[in-house]
Amino acid sequence: MSLIKNVQETWKAWVPFMKGLAVGVIAGPIIFLWLGWGVTTSAMNGQVRASLVKSEAVICAARALMENKDAAKLEYGARSKLAEKWAVMPGQKAGTADSDVSYACATLLEETPAAS
């Protein structure tokens, strides 16, 4: 009988800790992500993609400006075609320009001050 009482007393002593552990296991990750302390895979992929597009757009704009110094004066269609031409990065097949890079490149070309 003393063994059963000993187990019951031990269990009663551990119940609050077990409840706290259960709440922490469930609420911990939720609070952690809600506060923005964790980096999810989708957030990481989005940031990597945005950085890649930005860096390729800068390269595209520099290459396009070597061809046409006054790209900012071009109409939207001509500027977009120029951006599509130079948005193809070395190692990519011709005509496989990323549309995000083309758009960002055209935007950079539009914002570029005209050459004097």
N, C-alpha and C. Protein backbone atom coordinates (compact mmCIF):
# COMPACT_ATOMS: atom_id res chain seq x y z
N MET A 1 0.81 -1.19 0.00
CA MET A 1 0.00 0.00 0.00
C MET A 1 0.86 1.27 0.00
N SER A 2 1.97 1.20 0.63
CA SER A 2 2.82 2.38 0.68
C SER A 2 3.42 2.71 -0.69
N LEU A 3 3.62 1.71 -1.51
CA LEU A 3 4.14 1.95 -2.85
C LEU A 3 3.13 2.72 -3.69
N ILE A 4 1.85 2.36 -3.60
CA ILE A 4 0.80 3.04 -4.35
C ILE A 4 0.67 4.48 -3.86
N LYS A 5 0.72 4.68 -2.53
CA LYS A 5 0.63 6.04 -2.00
C LYS A 5 1.83 6.87 -2.44
N ASN A 6 2.98 6.26 -2.45
CA ASN A 6 4.19 6.96 -2.86
C ASN A 6 4.08 7.39 -4.33
N VAL A 7 3.57 6.51 -5.19
CA VAL A 7 3.39 6.83 -6.61
C VAL A 7 2.35 7.94 -6.77
N GLN A 8 1.25 7.87 -6.01
CA GLN A 8 0.20 8.90 -6.09
C GLN A 8 0.74 10.25 -5.64
N GLU A 9 1.51 10.29 -4.59
CA GLU A 9 2.08 11.55 -4.11
C GLU A 9 3.08 12.12 -5.11
N THR A 10 3.86 11.25 -5.68
CA THR A 10 4.82 11.70 -6.69
C THR A 10 4.08 12.26 -7.90
N TRP A 11 3.01 11.56 -8.32
CA TRP A 11 2.23 12.03 -9.46
C TRP A 11 1.59 13.39 -9.18
N LYS A 12 1.04 13.54 -7.96
CA LYS A 12 0.41 14.81 -7.60
C LYS A 12 1.45 15.94 -7.59
N ALA A 13 2.66 15.64 -7.23
CA ALA A 13 3.72 16.65 -7.22
C ALA A 13 4.13 17.03 -8.64
N TRP A 14 4.05 16.10 -9.56
CA TRP A 14 4.49 16.35 -10.94
C TRP A 14 3.40 16.90 -11.85
N VAL A 15 2.14 16.82 -11.47
CA VAL A 15 1.04 17.26 -12.32
C VAL A 15 1.17 18.74 -12.73
N PRO A 16 1.44 19.67 -11.83
CA PRO A 16 1.58 21.07 -12.26
C PRO A 16 2.72 21.28 -13.28
N PHE A 17 3.82 20.57 -13.09
CA PHE A 17 4.93 20.68 -14.04
C PHE A 17 4.54 20.13 -15.40
N MET A 18 3.82 19.02 -15.41
CA MET A 18 3.38 18.41 -16.68
C MET A 18 2.38 19.32 -17.41
N LYS A 19 1.49 19.96 -16.67
CA LYS A 19 0.54 20.88 -17.29
C LYS A 19 1.29 22.08 -17.88
N GLY A 20 2.23 22.61 -17.16
CA GLY A 20 3.03 23.72 -17.66
C GLY A 20 3.83 23.34 -18.89
N LEU A 21 4.38 22.13 -18.89
CA LEU A 21 5.12 21.64 -20.04
C LEU A 21 4.20 21.53 -21.26
N ALA A 22 3.00 21.00 -21.06
CA ALA A 22 2.05 20.84 -22.18
C ALA A 22 1.66 22.20 -22.75
N VAL A 23 1.38 23.16 -21.88
CA VAL A 23 1.02 24.50 -22.35
C VAL A 23 2.21 25.14 -23.07
N GLY A 24 3.40 24.98 -22.55
CA GLY A 24 4.59 25.55 -23.18
C GLY A 24 4.89 24.94 -24.53
N VAL A 25 4.69 23.65 -24.65
CA VAL A 25 4.95 22.97 -25.92
C VAL A 25 3.98 23.45 -27.00
N ILE A 26 2.76 23.74 -26.61
CA ILE A 26 1.76 24.19 -27.58
C ILE A 26 1.87 25.69 -27.82
N ALA A 27 1.94 26.48 -26.76
CA ALA A 27 1.91 27.93 -26.89
C ALA A 27 3.27 28.51 -27.29
N GLY A 28 4.34 27.86 -26.94
CA GLY A 28 5.68 28.38 -27.23
C GLY A 28 5.92 28.69 -28.69
N PRO A 29 5.77 27.70 -29.57
CA PRO A 29 6.01 27.98 -30.99
C PRO A 29 5.05 29.02 -31.58
N ILE A 30 3.81 29.02 -31.10
CA ILE A 30 2.83 29.98 -31.61
C ILE A 30 3.26 31.40 -31.24
N ILE A 31 3.63 31.62 -30.00
CA ILE A 31 4.08 32.94 -29.55
C ILE A 31 5.39 33.31 -30.24
N PHE A 32 6.28 32.36 -30.37
CA PHE A 32 7.58 32.57 -31.00
C PHE A 32 7.41 33.09 -32.43
N LEU A 33 6.55 32.45 -33.20
CA LEU A 33 6.33 32.87 -34.58
C LEU A 33 5.51 34.15 -34.67
N TRP A 34 4.54 34.31 -33.78
CA TRP A 34 3.69 35.50 -33.80
C TRP A 34 4.50 36.76 -33.54
N LEU A 35 5.49 36.68 -32.66
CA LEU A 35 6.33 37.82 -32.35
C LEU A 35 7.39 38.07 -33.43
N GLY A 36 7.51 37.14 -34.37
CA GLY A 36 8.46 37.31 -35.46
C GLY A 36 9.88 36.91 -35.11
N TRP A 37 10.04 36.14 -34.08
CA TRP A 37 11.37 35.72 -33.67
C TRP A 37 11.88 34.55 -34.50
N GLY A 38 10.99 33.85 -35.16
CA GLY A 38 11.38 32.70 -35.97
C GLY A 38 11.32 33.06 -37.44
N VAL A 39 12.17 32.45 -38.22
CA VAL A 39 12.17 32.67 -39.66
C VAL A 39 11.58 31.43 -40.32
N THR A 40 10.44 31.63 -40.95
CA THR A 40 9.82 30.50 -41.64
C THR A 40 10.48 30.31 -43.00
N THR A 41 10.31 29.16 -43.55
CA THR A 41 10.91 28.85 -44.84
C THR A 41 10.36 29.77 -45.93
N SER A 42 9.07 30.04 -45.89
CA SER A 42 8.49 30.89 -46.93
C SER A 42 8.99 32.32 -46.81
N ALA A 43 9.15 32.82 -45.60
CA ALA A 43 9.69 34.18 -45.42
C ALA A 43 11.13 34.25 -45.91
N MET A 44 11.89 33.23 -45.59
CA MET A 44 13.29 33.19 -46.02
C MET A 44 13.37 33.13 -47.55
N ASN A 45 12.56 32.28 -48.16
CA ASN A 45 12.58 32.17 -49.62
C ASN A 45 12.16 33.48 -50.28
N GLY A 46 11.18 34.16 -49.70
CA GLY A 46 10.76 35.44 -50.25
C GLY A 46 11.85 36.49 -50.18
N GLN A 47 12.57 36.53 -49.08
CA GLN A 47 13.66 37.50 -48.93
C GLN A 47 14.81 37.19 -49.87
N VAL A 48 15.12 35.91 -50.02
CA VAL A 48 16.19 35.52 -50.93
C VAL A 48 15.81 35.88 -52.36
N ARG A 49 14.56 35.60 -52.74
CA ARG A 49 14.07 35.90 -54.09
C ARG A 49 14.12 37.41 -54.35
N ALA A 50 13.67 38.20 -53.38
CA ALA A 50 13.69 39.66 -53.55
C ALA A 50 15.12 40.18 -53.71
N SER A 51 16.05 39.65 -52.95
CA SER A 51 17.45 40.07 -53.06
C SER A 51 18.03 39.69 -54.41
N LEU A 52 17.69 38.50 -54.88
CA LEU A 52 18.18 38.03 -56.16
C LEU A 52 17.65 38.91 -57.30
N VAL A 53 16.36 39.21 -57.26
CA VAL A 53 15.75 40.06 -58.29
C VAL A 53 16.39 41.44 -58.27
N LYS A 54 16.58 41.99 -57.08
CA LYS A 54 17.17 43.33 -56.97
C LYS A 54 18.59 43.37 -57.53
N SER A 55 19.40 42.38 -57.19
CA SER A 55 20.79 42.38 -57.67
C SER A 55 20.85 42.15 -59.17
N GLU A 56 20.00 41.26 -59.70
CA GLU A 56 19.98 41.04 -61.15
C GLU A 56 19.44 42.26 -61.89
N ALA A 57 18.50 42.98 -61.29
CA ALA A 57 17.96 44.18 -61.92
C ALA A 57 19.02 45.27 -62.02
N VAL A 58 19.85 45.39 -61.02
CA VAL A 58 20.93 46.38 -61.05
C VAL A 58 21.92 46.04 -62.17
N ILE A 59 22.25 44.76 -62.30
CA ILE A 59 23.14 44.32 -63.38
C ILE A 59 22.50 44.60 -64.73
N CYS A 60 21.22 44.27 -64.86
CA CYS A 60 20.48 44.50 -66.10
C CYS A 60 20.48 45.98 -66.46
N ALA A 61 20.20 46.83 -65.49
CA ALA A 61 20.14 48.28 -65.76
C ALA A 61 21.50 48.81 -66.19
N ALA A 62 22.55 48.34 -65.55
CA ALA A 62 23.90 48.80 -65.92
C ALA A 62 24.24 48.38 -67.35
N ARG A 63 23.89 47.14 -67.70
CA ARG A 63 24.16 46.65 -69.06
C ARG A 63 23.32 47.42 -70.08
N ALA A 64 22.06 47.70 -69.73
CA ALA A 64 21.18 48.41 -70.65
C ALA A 64 21.63 49.86 -70.83
N LEU A 65 22.12 50.47 -69.79
CA LEU A 65 22.59 51.86 -69.89
C LEU A 65 23.85 51.98 -70.73
N MET A 66 24.62 50.89 -70.84
CA MET A 66 25.78 50.92 -71.72
C MET A 66 25.33 50.98 -73.18
N GLU A 67 24.18 50.38 -73.46
CA GLU A 67 23.64 50.40 -74.82
C GLU A 67 22.92 51.71 -75.12
N ASN A 68 22.16 52.20 -74.16
CA ASN A 68 21.36 53.41 -74.37
C ASN A 68 21.47 54.28 -73.13
N LYS A 69 22.26 55.34 -73.23
CA LYS A 69 22.50 56.21 -72.08
C LYS A 69 21.25 56.97 -71.63
N ASP A 70 20.34 57.23 -72.54
CA ASP A 70 19.13 57.99 -72.22
C ASP A 70 17.91 57.08 -72.14
N ALA A 71 18.04 55.98 -71.44
CA ALA A 71 16.94 55.00 -71.35
C ALA A 71 15.73 55.59 -70.63
N ALA A 72 15.94 56.55 -69.76
CA ALA A 72 14.82 57.16 -69.02
C ALA A 72 13.90 57.94 -69.95
N LYS A 73 14.43 58.39 -71.07
CA LYS A 73 13.63 59.17 -72.02
C LYS A 73 12.80 58.28 -72.95
N LEU A 74 13.08 56.98 -72.95
CA LEU A 74 12.34 56.06 -73.82
C LEU A 74 10.91 55.90 -73.33
N GLU A 75 10.02 55.56 -74.25
CA GLU A 75 8.65 55.25 -73.85
C GLU A 75 8.64 53.92 -73.11
N TYR A 76 7.53 53.65 -72.44
CA TYR A 76 7.43 52.46 -71.59
C TYR A 76 7.72 51.18 -72.38
N GLY A 77 7.13 51.04 -73.56
CA GLY A 77 7.31 49.81 -74.34
C GLY A 77 8.75 49.60 -74.75
N ALA A 78 9.40 50.65 -75.22
CA ALA A 78 10.80 50.54 -75.64
C ALA A 78 11.70 50.25 -74.45
N ARG A 79 11.41 50.89 -73.32
CA ARG A 79 12.20 50.65 -72.11
C ARG A 79 12.02 49.21 -71.63
N SER A 80 10.80 48.69 -71.72
CA SER A 80 10.54 47.31 -71.31
C SER A 80 11.27 46.32 -72.21
N LYS A 81 11.27 46.59 -73.52
CA LYS A 81 11.99 45.70 -74.45
C LYS A 81 13.49 45.73 -74.18
N LEU A 82 14.02 46.91 -73.90
CA LEU A 82 15.43 47.03 -73.56
C LEU A 82 15.74 46.25 -72.27
N ALA A 83 14.86 46.37 -71.30
CA ALA A 83 15.05 45.64 -70.04
C ALA A 83 14.96 44.14 -70.25
N GLU A 84 14.01 43.68 -71.06
CA GLU A 84 13.88 42.24 -71.34
C GLU A 84 15.13 41.71 -72.03
N LYS A 85 15.70 42.51 -72.92
CA LYS A 85 16.91 42.09 -73.64
C LYS A 85 18.06 41.85 -72.66
N TRP A 86 18.24 42.75 -71.70
CA TRP A 86 19.38 42.66 -70.80
C TRP A 86 19.07 41.94 -69.48
N ALA A 87 17.82 41.54 -69.28
CA ALA A 87 17.48 40.81 -68.05
C ALA A 87 17.92 39.36 -68.10
N VAL A 88 18.29 38.89 -69.27
CA VAL A 88 18.81 37.52 -69.39
C VAL A 88 20.23 37.52 -68.84
N MET A 89 20.43 36.78 -67.76
CA MET A 89 21.73 36.75 -67.10
C MET A 89 22.64 35.75 -67.81
N PRO A 90 23.94 35.95 -67.70
CA PRO A 90 24.88 35.00 -68.30
C PRO A 90 24.60 33.58 -67.78
N GLY A 91 24.56 32.64 -68.69
CA GLY A 91 24.29 31.26 -68.32
C GLY A 91 22.83 30.87 -68.54
N GLN A 92 21.95 31.85 -68.74
CA GLN A 92 20.55 31.56 -69.03
C GLN A 92 20.36 31.47 -70.53
N LYS A 93 19.34 30.72 -70.93
CA LYS A 93 19.02 30.63 -72.35
C LYS A 93 18.44 31.96 -72.81
N ALA A 94 18.72 32.30 -74.03
CA ALA A 94 18.20 33.54 -74.61
C ALA A 94 16.67 33.49 -74.62
N GLY A 95 16.05 34.58 -74.26
CA GLY A 95 14.59 34.64 -74.25
C GLY A 95 13.96 34.10 -72.98
N THR A 96 14.77 33.78 -71.98
CA THR A 96 14.22 33.24 -70.72
C THR A 96 14.39 34.25 -69.58
N ALA A 97 14.21 35.50 -69.89
CA ALA A 97 14.36 36.53 -68.86
C ALA A 97 13.26 36.40 -67.82
N ASP A 98 13.64 36.58 -66.58
CA ASP A 98 12.69 36.56 -65.47
C ASP A 98 11.84 37.83 -65.54
N SER A 99 10.52 37.69 -65.50
CA SER A 99 9.65 38.86 -65.63
C SER A 99 9.82 39.82 -64.46
N ASP A 100 10.10 39.32 -63.27
CA ASP A 100 10.33 40.21 -62.12
C ASP A 100 11.59 41.04 -62.32
N VAL A 101 12.63 40.39 -62.85
CA VAL A 101 13.88 41.11 -63.11
C VAL A 101 13.67 42.14 -64.21
N SER A 102 12.93 41.78 -65.25
CA SER A 102 12.66 42.72 -66.35
C SER A 102 11.91 43.94 -65.83
N TYR A 103 10.90 43.71 -65.01
CA TYR A 103 10.11 44.82 -64.47
C TYR A 103 10.97 45.72 -63.58
N ALA A 104 11.75 45.10 -62.69
CA ALA A 104 12.60 45.88 -61.78
C ALA A 104 13.66 46.65 -62.57
N CYS A 105 14.18 46.03 -63.62
CA CYS A 105 15.18 46.68 -64.47
C CYS A 105 14.56 47.88 -65.18
N ALA A 106 13.37 47.70 -65.74
CA ALA A 106 12.70 48.81 -66.42
C ALA A 106 12.41 49.95 -65.46
N THR A 107 12.05 49.62 -64.23
CA THR A 107 11.80 50.64 -63.22
C THR A 107 13.09 51.41 -62.90
N LEU A 108 14.19 50.68 -62.79
CA LEU A 108 15.48 51.33 -62.53
C LEU A 108 15.88 52.23 -63.70
N LEU A 109 15.62 51.75 -64.91
CA LEU A 109 15.95 52.56 -66.09
C LEU A 109 15.13 53.84 -66.12
N GLU A 110 13.88 53.75 -65.70
CA GLU A 110 13.01 54.92 -65.67
C GLU A 110 13.50 55.96 -64.66
N GLU A 111 14.03 55.47 -63.53
CA GLU A 111 14.48 56.35 -62.45
C GLU A 111 15.87 56.91 -62.68
N THR A 112 16.59 56.35 -63.65
CA THR A 112 17.96 56.77 -63.91
C THR A 112 17.96 58.16 -64.54
N PRO A 113 18.75 59.09 -64.01
CA PRO A 113 18.80 60.43 -64.61
C PRO A 113 19.40 60.37 -66.00
N ALA A 114 18.93 61.24 -66.86
CA ALA A 114 19.42 61.26 -68.25
C ALA A 114 20.88 61.68 -68.27
N ALA A 115 21.60 61.09 -69.23
CA ALA A 115 23.00 61.43 -69.39
C ALA A 115 23.14 62.82 -69.99
N SER A 116 24.14 63.54 -69.57
CA SER A 116 24.34 64.91 -70.10
C SER A 116 25.32 64.91 -71.24
